[in-house]
PDB file of N, CA and C in Angstrom:
ATOM      1  N   MET A   1     -61.152   8.460 -73.179  1.00  0.00           N
ATOM      2  CA  MET A   1     -60.125   7.911 -73.965  1.00  0.00           C
ATOM      3  C   MET A   1     -60.031   6.410 -73.862  1.00  0.00           C
ATOM      4  N   THR A   2     -59.912   5.803 -74.874  1.00  0.00           N
ATOM      5  CA  THR A   2     -59.832   4.207 -74.835  1.00  0.00           C
ATOM      6  C   THR A   2     -58.360   3.868 -74.955  1.00  0.00           C
ATOM      7  N   ILE A   3     -57.961   2.949 -73.966  1.00  0.00           N
ATOM      8  CA  ILE A   3     -56.657   2.543 -73.971  1.00  0.00           C
ATOM      9  C   ILE A   3     -56.625   0.973 -74.271  1.00  0.00           C
ATOM     10  N   PRO A   4     -55.985   0.710 -75.301  1.00  0.00           N
ATOM     11  CA  PRO A   4     -55.932  -0.718 -75.771  1.00  0.00           C
ATOM     12  C   PRO A   4     -55.120  -1.545 -74.732  1.00  0.00           C
ATOM     13  N   ILE A   5     -55.804  -2.582 -74.334  1.00  0.00           N
ATOM     14  CA  ILE A   5     -55.193  -3.498 -73.274  1.00  0.00           C
ATOM     15  C   ILE A   5     -54.965  -4.941 -73.999  1.00  0.00           C
ATOM     16  N   ASN A   6     -53.612  -5.271 -74.032  1.00  0.00           N
ATOM     17  CA  ASN A   6     -53.410  -6.551 -74.655  1.00  0.00           C
ATOM     18  C   ASN A   6     -52.825  -7.530 -73.546  1.00  0.00           C
ATOM     19  N   ALA A   7     -52.617  -8.818 -74.026  1.00  0.00           N
ATOM     20  CA  ALA A   7     -51.912  -9.715 -73.051  1.00  0.00           C
ATOM     21  C   ALA A   7     -50.600  -9.314 -72.470  1.00  0.00           C
ATOM     22  N   GLY A   8     -49.912  -8.637 -73.438  1.00  0.00           N
ATOM     23  CA  GLY A   8     -48.537  -8.272 -72.986  1.00  0.00           C
ATOM     24  C   GLY A   8     -48.470  -7.284 -71.890  1.00  0.00           C
ATOM     25  N   ILE A   9     -49.544  -6.315 -71.853  1.00  0.00           N
ATOM     26  CA  ILE A   9     -49.572  -5.264 -70.863  1.00  0.00           C
ATOM     27  C   ILE A   9     -49.928  -5.953 -69.489  1.00  0.00           C
ATOM     28  N   VAL A  10     -50.965  -6.864 -69.508  1.00  0.00           N
ATOM     29  CA  VAL A  10     -51.413  -7.623 -68.340  1.00  0.00           C
ATOM     30  C   VAL A  10     -50.220  -8.441 -67.793  1.00  0.00           C
ATOM     31  N   ASP A  11     -49.499  -9.141 -68.668  1.00  0.00           N
ATOM     32  CA  ASP A  11     -48.369  -9.869 -68.175  1.00  0.00           C
ATOM     33  C   ASP A  11     -47.297  -8.952 -67.606  1.00  0.00           C
ATOM     34  N   GLU A  12     -46.950  -7.835 -68.120  1.00  0.00           N
ATOM     35  CA  GLU A  12     -46.024  -6.930 -67.738  1.00  0.00           C
ATOM     36  C   GLU A  12     -46.397  -6.428 -66.184  1.00  0.00           C
ATOM     37  N   ALA A  13     -47.791  -6.236 -66.117  1.00  0.00           N
ATOM     38  CA  ALA A  13     -48.156  -5.748 -64.757  1.00  0.00           C
ATOM     39  C   ALA A  13     -48.014  -6.718 -63.715  1.00  0.00           C
ATOM     40  N   ILE A  14     -48.309  -8.018 -64.145  1.00  0.00           N
ATOM     41  CA  ILE A  14     -48.054  -9.151 -63.138  1.00  0.00           C
ATOM     42  C   ILE A  14     -46.646  -9.167 -62.811  1.00  0.00           C
ATOM     43  N   PHE A  15     -45.738  -9.205 -63.805  1.00  0.00           N
ATOM     44  CA  PHE A  15     -44.282  -9.332 -63.598  1.00  0.00           C
ATOM     45  C   PHE A  15     -43.709  -8.048 -62.727  1.00  0.00           C
ATOM     46  N   HIS A  16     -44.333  -6.855 -62.999  1.00  0.00           N
ATOM     47  CA  HIS A  16     -43.867  -5.574 -62.206  1.00  0.00           C
ATOM     48  C   HIS A  16     -44.267  -5.893 -60.688  1.00  0.00           C
ATOM     49  N   ILE A  17     -45.409  -6.503 -60.327  1.00  0.00           N
ATOM     50  CA  ILE A  17     -45.835  -6.751 -58.995  1.00  0.00           C
ATOM     51  C   ILE A  17     -44.720  -7.759 -58.478  1.00  0.00           C
ATOM     52  N   LEU A  18     -44.510  -8.921 -59.138  1.00  0.00           N
ATOM     53  CA  LEU A  18     -43.629  -9.833 -58.608  1.00  0.00           C
ATOM     54  C   LEU A  18     -42.068  -9.253 -58.371  1.00  0.00           C
ATOM     55  N   ARG A  19     -41.665  -8.429 -59.308  1.00  0.00           N
ATOM     56  CA  ARG A  19     -40.434  -7.754 -59.168  1.00  0.00           C
ATOM     57  C   ARG A  19     -40.337  -6.801 -57.965  1.00  0.00           C
ATOM     58  N   ARG A  20     -41.505  -6.030 -57.730  1.00  0.00           N
ATOM     59  CA  ARG A  20     -41.634  -5.094 -56.588  1.00  0.00           C
ATOM     60  C   ARG A  20     -41.652  -5.873 -55.222  1.00  0.00           C
ATOM     61  N   GLU A  21     -42.276  -7.022 -55.363  1.00  0.00           N
ATOM     62  CA  GLU A  21     -42.296  -7.880 -54.059  1.00  0.00           C
ATOM     63  C   GLU A  21     -41.123  -8.761 -53.885  1.00  0.00           C
ATOM     64  N   GLN A  22     -40.028  -8.672 -54.912  1.00  0.00           N
ATOM     65  CA  GLN A  22     -38.796  -9.300 -54.862  1.00  0.00           C
ATOM     66  C   GLN A  22     -38.984 -10.925 -54.800  1.00  0.00           C
ATOM     67  N   VAL A  23     -39.863 -11.348 -55.701  1.00  0.00           N
ATOM     68  CA  VAL A  23     -40.167 -12.702 -55.798  1.00  0.00           C
ATOM     69  C   VAL A  23     -39.168 -13.376 -56.913  1.00  0.00           C
ATOM     70  N   GLU A  24     -38.283 -14.226 -56.386  1.00  0.00           N
ATOM     71  CA  GLU A  24     -37.250 -14.806 -57.353  1.00  0.00           C
ATOM     72  C   GLU A  24     -37.767 -16.136 -57.836  1.00  0.00           C
ATOM     73  N   VAL A  25     -37.051 -16.655 -58.669  1.00  0.00           N
ATOM     74  CA  VAL A  25     -37.514 -17.992 -59.248  1.00  0.00           C
ATOM     75  C   VAL A  25     -37.454 -19.013 -58.157  1.00  0.00           C
ATOM     76  N   GLY A  26     -38.562 -19.753 -58.056  1.00  0.00           N
ATOM     77  CA  GLY A  26     -38.809 -20.716 -56.833  1.00  0.00           C
ATOM     78  C   GLY A  26     -39.475 -20.026 -55.661  1.00  0.00           C
ATOM     79  N   GLY A  27     -39.608 -18.719 -55.723  1.00  0.00           N
ATOM     80  CA  GLY A  27     -40.256 -17.955 -54.640  1.00  0.00           C
ATOM     81  C   GLY A  27     -41.803 -17.877 -54.890  1.00  0.00           C
ATOM     82  N   TRP A  28     -42.482 -17.339 -53.977  1.00  0.00           N
ATOM     83  CA  TRP A  28     -44.035 -17.264 -54.135  1.00  0.00           C
ATOM     84  C   TRP A  28     -44.583 -16.062 -53.535  1.00  0.00           C
ATOM     85  N   ILE A  29     -45.790 -15.775 -54.001  1.00  0.00           N
ATOM     86  CA  ILE A  29     -46.546 -14.653 -53.421  1.00  0.00           C
ATOM     87  C   ILE A  29     -47.976 -15.207 -53.271  1.00  0.00           C
ATOM     88  N   ARG A  30     -48.626 -14.842 -52.125  1.00  0.00           N
ATOM     89  CA  ARG A  30     -49.992 -15.204 -51.909  1.00  0.00           C
ATOM     90  C   ARG A  30     -50.907 -14.515 -52.923  1.00  0.00           C
ATOM     91  N   LEU A  31     -51.831 -15.158 -53.443  1.00  0.00           N
ATOM     92  CA  LEU A  31     -52.778 -14.535 -54.376  1.00  0.00           C
ATOM     93  C   LEU A  31     -53.551 -13.471 -53.785  1.00  0.00           C
ATOM     94  N   SER A  32     -53.789 -13.500 -52.561  1.00  0.00           N
ATOM     95  CA  SER A  32     -54.533 -12.443 -51.717  1.00  0.00           C
ATOM     96  C   SER A  32     -53.725 -11.141 -51.866  1.00  0.00           C
ATOM     97  N   THR A  33     -52.421 -11.237 -51.763  1.00  0.00           N
ATOM     98  CA  THR A  33     -51.490 -10.121 -51.747  1.00  0.00           C
ATOM     99  C   THR A  33     -51.403  -9.593 -53.246  1.00  0.00           C
ATOM    100  N   LEU A  34     -51.364 -10.505 -54.005  1.00  0.00           N
ATOM    101  CA  LEU A  34     -51.391 -10.111 -55.569  1.00  0.00           C
ATOM    102  C   LEU A  34     -52.609  -9.429 -55.836  1.00  0.00           C
ATOM    103  N   ALA A  35     -53.694  -9.910 -55.440  1.00  0.00           N
ATOM    104  CA  ALA A  35     -55.014  -9.304 -55.714  1.00  0.00           C
ATOM    105  C   ALA A  35     -55.109  -7.911 -55.201  1.00  0.00           C
ATOM    106  N   ARG A  36     -54.585  -7.818 -54.013  1.00  0.00           N
ATOM    107  CA  ARG A  36     -54.617  -6.356 -53.294  1.00  0.00           C
ATOM    108  C   ARG A  36     -53.839  -5.371 -54.136  1.00  0.00           C
ATOM    109  N   GLN A  37     -52.688  -5.782 -54.490  1.00  0.00           N
ATOM    110  CA  GLN A  37     -51.804  -4.925 -55.340  1.00  0.00           C
ATOM    111  C   GLN A  37     -52.332  -4.634 -56.734  1.00  0.00           C
ATOM    112  N   TRP A  38     -53.053  -5.631 -57.224  1.00  0.00           N
ATOM    113  CA  TRP A  38     -53.643  -5.584 -58.647  1.00  0.00           C
ATOM    114  C   TRP A  38     -54.496  -4.282 -58.655  1.00  0.00           C
ATOM    115  N   TRP A  39     -55.161  -4.045 -57.754  1.00  0.00           N
ATOM    116  CA  TRP A  39     -56.220  -2.982 -57.767  1.00  0.00           C
ATOM    117  C   TRP A  39     -55.361  -1.627 -58.217  1.00  0.00           C
ATOM    118  N   ALA A  40     -54.275  -1.487 -57.726  1.00  0.00           N
ATOM    119  CA  ALA A  40     -53.491  -0.241 -58.021  1.00  0.00           C
ATOM    120  C   ALA A  40     -53.171  -0.204 -59.538  1.00  0.00           C
ATOM    121  N   THR A  41     -53.200  -1.268 -60.232  1.00  0.00           N
ATOM    122  CA  THR A  41     -52.789  -1.169 -61.634  1.00  0.00           C
ATOM    123  C   THR A  41     -53.886  -0.556 -62.519  1.00  0.00           C
ATOM    124  N   GLY A  42     -55.112  -0.489 -61.964  1.00  0.00           N
ATOM    125  CA  GLY A  42     -56.247   0.012 -62.727  1.00  0.00           C
ATOM    126  C   GLY A  42     -56.909  -0.910 -63.748  1.00  0.00           C
ATOM    127  N   LEU A  43     -56.221  -2.151 -63.860  1.00  0.00           N
ATOM    128  CA  LEU A  43     -56.741  -3.215 -64.669  1.00  0.00           C
ATOM    129  C   LEU A  43     -57.954  -3.931 -63.929  1.00  0.00           C
ATOM    130  N   ARG A  44     -58.669  -4.685 -64.706  1.00  0.00           N
ATOM    131  CA  ARG A  44     -59.810  -5.420 -64.282  1.00  0.00           C
ATOM    132  C   ARG A  44     -59.290  -6.671 -63.511  1.00  0.00           C
ATOM    133  N   ARG A  45     -60.123  -7.166 -62.547  1.00  0.00           N
ATOM    134  CA  ARG A  45     -59.786  -8.452 -61.896  1.00  0.00           C
ATOM    135  C   ARG A  45     -59.794  -9.588 -62.896  1.00  0.00           C
ATOM    136  N   SER A  46     -60.678  -9.491 -63.879  1.00  0.00           N
ATOM    137  CA  SER A  46     -60.645 -10.598 -64.945  1.00  0.00           C
ATOM    138  C   SER A  46     -59.318 -10.689 -65.763  1.00  0.00           C
ATOM    139  N   ASP A  47     -58.721  -9.468 -65.884  1.00  0.00           N
ATOM    140  CA  ASP A  47     -57.391  -9.453 -66.526  1.00  0.00           C
ATOM    141  C   ASP A  47     -56.401 -10.198 -65.722  1.00  0.00           C
ATOM    142  N   LEU A  48     -56.447 -10.053 -64.407  1.00  0.00           N
ATOM    143  CA  LEU A  48     -55.496 -10.763 -63.446  1.00  0.00           C
ATOM    144  C   LEU A  48     -55.721 -12.274 -63.642  1.00  0.00           C
ATOM    145  N   VAL A  49     -56.936 -12.654 -63.630  1.00  0.00           N
ATOM    146  CA  VAL A  49     -57.163 -14.166 -63.652  1.00  0.00           C
ATOM    147  C   VAL A  49     -56.741 -14.630 -65.038  1.00  0.00           C
ATOM    148  N   GLU A  50     -57.124 -13.962 -66.113  1.00  0.00           N
ATOM    149  CA  GLU A  50     -56.639 -14.518 -67.542  1.00  0.00           C
ATOM    150  C   GLU A  50     -55.067 -14.405 -67.521  1.00  0.00           C
ATOM    151  N   GLY A  51     -54.531 -13.401 -66.973  1.00  0.00           N
ATOM    152  CA  GLY A  51     -53.039 -13.293 -67.033  1.00  0.00           C
ATOM    153  C   GLY A  51     -52.394 -14.376 -66.272  1.00  0.00           C
ATOM    154  N   LEU A  52     -52.926 -14.717 -65.171  1.00  0.00           N
ATOM    155  CA  LEU A  52     -52.284 -15.807 -64.334  1.00  0.00           C
ATOM    156  C   LEU A  52     -52.429 -17.068 -65.138  1.00  0.00           C
ATOM    157  N   ALA A  53     -53.513 -17.364 -65.618  1.00  0.00           N
ATOM    158  CA  ALA A  53     -53.757 -18.539 -66.420  1.00  0.00           C
ATOM    159  C   ALA A  53     -52.701 -18.668 -67.613  1.00  0.00           C
ATOM    160  N   ARG A  54     -52.481 -17.511 -68.287  1.00  0.00           N
ATOM    161  CA  ARG A  54     -51.717 -17.545 -69.516  1.00  0.00           C
ATOM    162  C   ARG A  54     -50.273 -17.736 -69.108  1.00  0.00           C
ATOM    163  N   LEU A  55     -49.811 -17.102 -67.907  1.00  0.00           N
ATOM    164  CA  LEU A  55     -48.523 -17.359 -67.446  1.00  0.00           C
ATOM    165  C   LEU A  55     -48.244 -18.645 -66.872  1.00  0.00           C
ATOM    166  N   GLU A  56     -49.270 -19.298 -66.392  1.00  0.00           N
ATOM    167  CA  GLU A  56     -49.200 -20.637 -65.859  1.00  0.00           C
ATOM    168  C   GLU A  56     -49.099 -21.632 -67.099  1.00  0.00           C
ATOM    169  N   ASN A  57     -49.855 -21.441 -68.079  1.00  0.00           N
ATOM    170  CA  ASN A  57     -49.636 -22.152 -69.379  1.00  0.00           C
ATOM    171  C   ASN A  57     -48.291 -21.991 -70.042  1.00  0.00           C
ATOM    172  N   GLY A  58     -47.775 -20.909 -69.834  1.00  0.00           N
ATOM    173  CA  GLY A  58     -46.388 -20.520 -70.503  1.00  0.00           C
ATOM    174  C   GLY A  58     -45.260 -21.078 -69.606  1.00  0.00           C
ATOM    175  N   GLY A  59     -45.610 -21.561 -68.429  1.00  0.00           N
ATOM    176  CA  GLY A  59     -44.521 -22.148 -67.652  1.00  0.00           C
ATOM    177  C   GLY A  59     -43.822 -21.159 -66.574  1.00  0.00           C
ATOM    178  N   TYR A  60     -44.300 -19.863 -66.659  1.00  0.00           N
ATOM    179  CA  TYR A  60     -43.737 -18.880 -65.721  1.00  0.00           C
ATOM    180  C   TYR A  60     -44.165 -19.076 -64.360  1.00  0.00           C
ATOM    181  N   LEU A  61     -45.439 -19.475 -64.115  1.00  0.00           N
ATOM    182  CA  LEU A  61     -45.985 -19.610 -62.800  1.00  0.00           C
ATOM    183  C   LEU A  61     -46.618 -20.869 -62.590  1.00  0.00           C
ATOM    184  N   SER A  62     -46.788 -21.368 -61.240  1.00  0.00           N
ATOM    185  CA  SER A  62     -47.637 -22.366 -60.991  1.00  0.00           C
ATOM    186  C   SER A  62     -48.496 -21.922 -59.906  1.00  0.00           C
ATOM    187  N   LEU A  63     -49.749 -22.337 -59.802  1.00  0.00           N
ATOM    188  CA  LEU A  63     -50.737 -21.894 -58.700  1.00  0.00           C
ATOM    189  C   LEU A  63     -50.953 -23.182 -57.841  1.00  0.00           C
ATOM    190  N   GLU A  64     -50.646 -23.005 -56.587  1.00  0.00           N
ATOM    191  CA  GLU A  64     -50.702 -24.155 -55.544  1.00  0.00           C
ATOM    192  C   GLU A  64     -51.335 -23.718 -54.381  1.00  0.00           C
ATOM    193  N   GLY A  65     -51.989 -24.656 -53.748  1.00  0.00           N
ATOM    194  CA  GLY A  65     -52.636 -24.427 -52.433  1.00  0.00           C
ATOM    195  C   GLY A  65     -54.089 -24.896 -52.334  1.00  0.00           C
ATOM    196  N   SER A  66     -54.658 -24.305 -51.414  1.00  0.00           N
ATOM    197  CA  SER A  66     -56.205 -24.717 -51.220  1.00  0.00           C
ATOM    198  C   SER A  66     -57.060 -23.418 -51.351  1.00  0.00           C
ATOM    199  N   GLU A  67     -58.337 -23.696 -51.185  1.00  0.00           N
ATOM    200  CA  GLU A  67     -59.249 -22.520 -51.278  1.00  0.00           C
ATOM    201  C   GLU A  67     -58.934 -21.497 -50.333  1.00  0.00           C
ATOM    202  N   ASP A  68     -58.385 -21.865 -49.164  1.00  0.00           N
ATOM    203  CA  ASP A  68     -58.123 -20.879 -48.122  1.00  0.00           C
ATOM    204  C   ASP A  68     -56.804 -20.100 -48.443  1.00  0.00           C
ATOM    205  N   GLU A  69     -55.738 -20.633 -48.973  1.00  0.00           N
ATOM    206  CA  GLU A  69     -54.529 -19.950 -49.263  1.00  0.00           C
ATOM    207  C   GLU A  69     -53.887 -20.579 -50.515  1.00  0.00           C
ATOM    208  N   THR A  70     -53.948 -19.779 -51.519  1.00  0.00           N
ATOM    209  CA  THR A  70     -53.332 -20.164 -52.826  1.00  0.00           C
ATOM    210  C   THR A  70     -52.154 -19.197 -53.041  1.00  0.00           C
ATOM    211  N   VAL A  71     -51.107 -19.837 -53.563  1.00  0.00           N
ATOM    212  CA  VAL A  71     -49.918 -19.008 -53.816  1.00  0.00           C
ATOM    213  C   VAL A  71     -49.514 -19.233 -55.365  1.00  0.00           C
ATOM    214  N   ALA A  72     -48.999 -18.192 -55.897  1.00  0.00           N
ATOM    215  CA  ALA A  72     -48.437 -18.090 -57.204  1.00  0.00           C
ATOM    216  C   ALA A  72     -46.846 -18.416 -57.093  1.00  0.00           C
ATOM    217  N   ILE A  73     -46.307 -19.469 -57.625  1.00  0.00           N
ATOM    218  CA  ILE A  73     -44.807 -19.820 -57.488  1.00  0.00           C
ATOM    219  C   ILE A  73     -44.212 -19.324 -58.807  1.00  0.00           C
ATOM    220  N   LEU A  74     -43.186 -18.534 -58.740  1.00  0.00           N
ATOM    221  CA  LEU A  74     -42.489 -18.117 -60.069  1.00  0.00           C
ATOM    222  C   LEU A  74     -41.687 -19.297 -60.433  1.00  0.00           C
ATOM    223  N   ARG A  75     -41.846 -19.954 -61.629  1.00  0.00           N
ATOM    224  CA  ARG A  75     -41.026 -21.018 -62.140  1.00  0.00           C
ATOM    225  C   ARG A  75     -39.917 -20.751 -62.942  1.00  0.00           C
ATOM    226  N   LYS A  76     -39.980 -19.638 -63.730  1.00  0.00           N
ATOM    227  CA  LYS A  76     -38.816 -19.288 -64.589  1.00  0.00           C
ATOM    228  C   LYS A  76     -38.969 -17.703 -64.741  1.00  0.00           C
ATOM    229  N   ARG A  77     -37.699 -17.096 -65.004  1.00  0.00           N
ATOM    230  CA  ARG A  77     -37.579 -15.735 -64.988  1.00  0.00           C
ATOM    231  C   ARG A  77     -38.551 -15.060 -66.054  1.00  0.00           C
ATOM    232  N   PRO A  78     -39.025 -14.000 -65.701  1.00  0.00           N
ATOM    233  CA  PRO A  78     -39.808 -13.181 -66.671  1.00  0.00           C
ATOM    234  C   PRO A  78     -38.944 -12.758 -67.887  1.00  0.00           C
ATOM    235  N   PRO A  79     -39.462 -12.542 -69.029  1.00  0.00           N
ATOM    236  CA  PRO A  79     -38.657 -12.081 -70.167  1.00  0.00           C
ATOM    237  C   PRO A  79     -37.959 -10.727 -69.830  1.00  0.00           C
ATOM    238  N   LEU A  80     -36.746 -10.465 -70.234  1.00  0.00           N
ATOM    239  CA  LEU A  80     -36.025  -9.366 -70.099  1.00  0.00           C
ATOM    240  C   LEU A  80     -36.721  -8.095 -70.594  1.00  0.00           C
ATOM    241  N   PHE A  81     -36.318  -6.952 -70.334  1.00  0.00           N
ATOM    242  CA  PHE A  81     -36.918  -5.624 -70.905  1.00  0.00           C
ATOM    243  C   PHE A  81     -36.935  -5.755 -72.282  1.00  0.00           C
ATOM    244  N   ARG A  82     -38.017  -5.698 -72.973  1.00  0.00           N
ATOM    245  CA  ARG A  82     -38.108  -5.787 -74.411  1.00  0.00           C
ATOM    246  C   ARG A  82     -38.247  -4.335 -74.910  1.00  0.00           C
ATOM    247  N   PRO A  83     -37.992  -4.183 -76.292  1.00  0.00           N
ATOM    248  CA  PRO A  83     -38.028  -2.874 -76.742  1.00  0.00           C
ATOM    249  C   PRO A  83     -39.517  -2.222 -76.623  1.00  0.00           C
ATOM    250  N   ASP A  84     -40.548  -3.028 -76.703  1.00  0.00           N
ATOM    251  CA  ASP A  84     -41.787  -2.491 -76.607  1.00  0.00           C
ATOM    252  C   ASP A  84     -42.282  -2.366 -75.128  1.00  0.00           C
ATOM    253  N   ALA A  85     -41.442  -2.630 -74.200  1.00  0.00           N
ATOM    254  CA  ALA A  85     -41.899  -2.491 -72.824  1.00  0.00           C
ATOM    255  C   ALA A  85     -42.093  -1.176 -72.387  1.00  0.00           C
ATOM    256  N   TRP A  86     -41.449  -0.208 -72.947  1.00  0.00           N
ATOM    257  CA  TRP A  86     -41.735   1.259 -72.654  1.00  0.00           C
ATOM    258  C   TRP A  86     -43.247   1.658 -72.838  1.00  0.00           C
ATOM    259  N   TYR A  87     -43.816   1.109 -74.011  1.00  0.00           N
ATOM    260  CA  TYR A  87     -45.133   1.299 -74.296  1.00  0.00           C
ATOM    261  C   TYR A  87     -45.954   0.727 -73.231  1.00  0.00           C
ATOM    262  N   LYS A  88     -45.781  -0.500 -72.894  1.00  0.00           N
ATOM    263  CA  LYS A  88     -46.576  -1.200 -71.844  1.00  0.00           C
ATOM    264  C   LYS A  88     -46.543  -0.486 -70.677  1.00  0.00           C
ATOM    265  N   LEU A  89     -45.295   0.014 -70.133  1.00  0.00           N
ATOM    266  CA  LEU A  89     -45.261   0.759 -68.888  1.00  0.00           C
ATOM    267  C   LEU A  89     -46.010   2.078 -68.968  1.00  0.00           C
ATOM    268  N   ARG A  90     -45.943   2.756 -70.054  1.00  0.00           N
ATOM    269  CA  ARG A  90     -46.647   4.006 -70.338  1.00  0.00           C
ATOM    270  C   ARG A  90     -48.102   3.700 -70.263  1.00  0.00           C
ATOM    271  N   THR A  91     -48.573   2.717 -70.830  1.00  0.00           N
ATOM    272  CA  THR A  91     -49.982   2.334 -70.825  1.00  0.00           C
ATOM    273  C   THR A  91     -50.400   2.073 -69.407  1.00  0.00           C
ATOM    274  N   LEU A  92     -49.738   1.341 -68.730  1.00  0.00           N
ATOM    275  CA  LEU A  92     -50.095   1.014 -67.290  1.00  0.00           C
ATOM    276  C   LEU A  92     -50.167   2.337 -66.492  1.00  0.00           C
ATOM    277  N   TYR A  93     -49.264   3.219 -66.746  1.00  0.00           N
ATOM    278  CA  TYR A  93     -49.331   4.531 -65.972  1.00  0.00           C
ATOM    279  C   TYR A  93     -50.625   5.355 -66.455  1.00  0.00           C
ATOM    280  N   GLN A  94     -50.897   5.404 -67.801  1.00  0.00           N
ATOM    281  CA  GLN A  94     -52.217   5.893 -68.186  1.00  0.00           C
ATOM    282  C   GLN A  94     -53.517   5.322 -67.511  1.00  0.00           C
ATOM    283  N   ILE A  95     -53.368   3.999 -67.526  1.00  0.00           N
ATOM    284  CA  ILE A  95     -54.563   3.188 -66.970  1.00  0.00           C
ATOM    285  C   ILE A  95     -54.675   3.663 -65.504  1.00  0.00           C
ATOM    286  N   ARG A  96     -53.558   3.741 -64.689  1.00  0.00           N
ATOM    287  CA  ARG A  96     -53.586   4.094 -63.190  1.00  0.00           C
ATOM    288  C   ARG A  96     -54.099   5.429 -63.008  1.00  0.00           C
ATOM    289  N   ALA A  97     -53.773   6.310 -64.041  1.00  0.00           N
ATOM    290  CA  ALA A  97     -54.107   7.807 -63.935  1.00  0.00           C
ATOM    291  C   ALA A  97     -55.575   8.019 -64.151  1.00  0.00           C
ATOM    292  N   ARG A  98     -56.309   7.163 -64.866  1.00  0.00           N
ATOM    293  CA  ARG A  98     -57.665   7.397 -65.338  1.00  0.00           C
ATOM    294  C   ARG A  98     -58.567   7.376 -64.018  1.00  0.00           C
ATOM    295  N   PRO A  99     -59.677   8.111 -64.091  1.00  0.00           N
ATOM    296  CA  PRO A  99     -60.603   7.970 -63.003  1.00  0.00           C
ATOM    297  C   PRO A  99     -61.258   6.645 -62.899  1.00  0.00           C
ATOM    298  N   ARG A 100     -61.498   6.120 -61.745  1.00  0.00           N
ATOM    299  CA  ARG A 100     -62.254   4.958 -61.669  1.00  0.00           C
ATOM    300  C   ARG A 100     -63.708   5.079 -61.531  1.00  0.00           C
ATOM    301  N   SER A 101     -64.434   4.197 -62.148  1.00  0.00           N
ATOM    302  CA  SER A 101     -65.863   4.290 -62.110  1.00  0.00           C
ATOM    303  C   SER A 101     -66.393   4.077 -60.624  1.00  0.00           C
ATOM    304  N   GLY A 102     -67.501   4.799 -60.245  1.00  0.00           N
ATOM    305  CA  GLY A 102     -68.021   4.620 -58.992  1.00  0.00           C
ATOM    306  C   GLY A 102     -67.287   5.294 -57.843  1.00  0.00           C
ATOM    307  N   THR A 103     -66.270   5.988 -58.159  1.00  0.00           N
ATOM    308  CA  THR A 103     -65.559   6.721 -57.077  1.00  0.00           C
ATOM    309  C   THR A 103     -65.333   8.159 -57.471  1.00  0.00           C
ATOM    310  N   LEU A 104     -65.392   8.945 -56.419  1.00  0.00           N
ATOM    311  CA  LEU A 104     -65.157  10.363 -56.654  1.00  0.00           C
ATOM    312  C   LEU A 104     -63.784  10.774 -56.126  1.00  0.00           C
ATOM    313  N   PRO A 105     -63.122  11.684 -56.826  1.00  0.00           N
ATOM    314  CA  PRO A 105     -61.921  12.160 -56.322  1.00  0.00           C
ATOM    315  C   PRO A 105     -62.057  12.841 -54.926  1.00  0.00           C
ATOM    316  N   ALA A 106     -61.011  12.927 -54.143  1.00  0.00           N
ATOM    317  CA  ALA A 106     -61.294  13.454 -52.713  1.00  0.00           C
ATOM    318  C   ALA A 106     -61.877  14.898 -52.633  1.00  0.00           C
ATOM    319  N   ASN A 107     -61.515  15.696 -53.542  1.00  0.00           N
ATOM    320  CA  ASN A 107     -62.160  17.066 -53.554  1.00  0.00           C
ATOM    321  C   ASN A 107     -63.620  16.894 -53.812  1.00  0.00           C
ATOM    322  N   ASP A 108     -64.006  16.073 -54.806  1.00  0.00           N
ATOM    323  CA  ASP A 108     -65.470  16.008 -55.147  1.00  0.00           C
ATOM    324  C   ASP A 108     -66.316  15.356 -54.019  1.00  0.00           C
ATOM    325  N   ARG A 109     -65.710  14.385 -53.279  1.00  0.00           N
ATOM    326  CA  ARG A 109     -66.274  13.913 -52.047  1.00  0.00           C
ATOM    327  C   ARG A 109     -66.549  14.853 -51.047  1.00  0.00           C
ATOM    328  N   ARG A 110     -65.675  15.812 -50.816  1.00  0.00           N
ATOM    329  CA  ARG A 110     -65.904  16.851 -49.815  1.00  0.00           C
ATOM    330  C   ARG A 110     -66.892  17.795 -50.234  1.00  0.00           C
ATOM    331  N   LYS A 111     -67.033  18.152 -51.568  1.00  0.00           N
ATOM    332  CA  LYS A 111     -68.008  19.031 -51.957  1.00  0.00           C
ATOM    333  C   LYS A 111     -69.474  18.280 -51.920  1.00  0.00           C
ATOM    334  N   ALA A 112     -69.507  17.044 -52.103  1.00  0.00           N
ATOM    335  CA  ALA A 112     -70.855  16.277 -52.042  1.00  0.00           C
ATOM    336  C   ALA A 112     -71.286  16.226 -50.633  1.00  0.00           C
ATOM    337  N   ARG A 113     -70.443  16.209 -49.614  1.00  0.00           N
ATOM    338  CA  ARG A 113     -70.796  16.165 -48.315  1.00  0.00           C
ATOM    339  C   ARG A 113     -71.332  17.545 -47.738  1.00  0.00           C
ATOM    340  N   ALA A 114     -70.849  18.565 -48.466  1.00  0.00           N
ATOM    341  CA  ALA A 114     -71.256  20.031 -48.015  1.00  0.00           C
ATOM    342  C   ALA A 114     -72.573  20.448 -48.313  1.00  0.00           C
TER     343      ALA A 114
END
């Protein structure tokens, strides 16, 4: 099943993580923390990189720090829940539910060892 991924879905996934981490305007999150939580979205790492650049260009985020520790600072509030947001959230759910390449579900791993 092919799931169309657009910029809005990626942006919503980033905003979802920021809300879950309770990042308010002026607050920050370590990119290492964001990257760890990104894995659970089922989206590609390149989607995160492109999404962060897009949100930075849009004035929502700024990225600051050094190579050792970079943080994303929330500069303005994410858009409010839009009418099409249900579709984006449903799509994110479908992405998370699909099997990951290169990994076996727990039951299959046990069968492979036997």
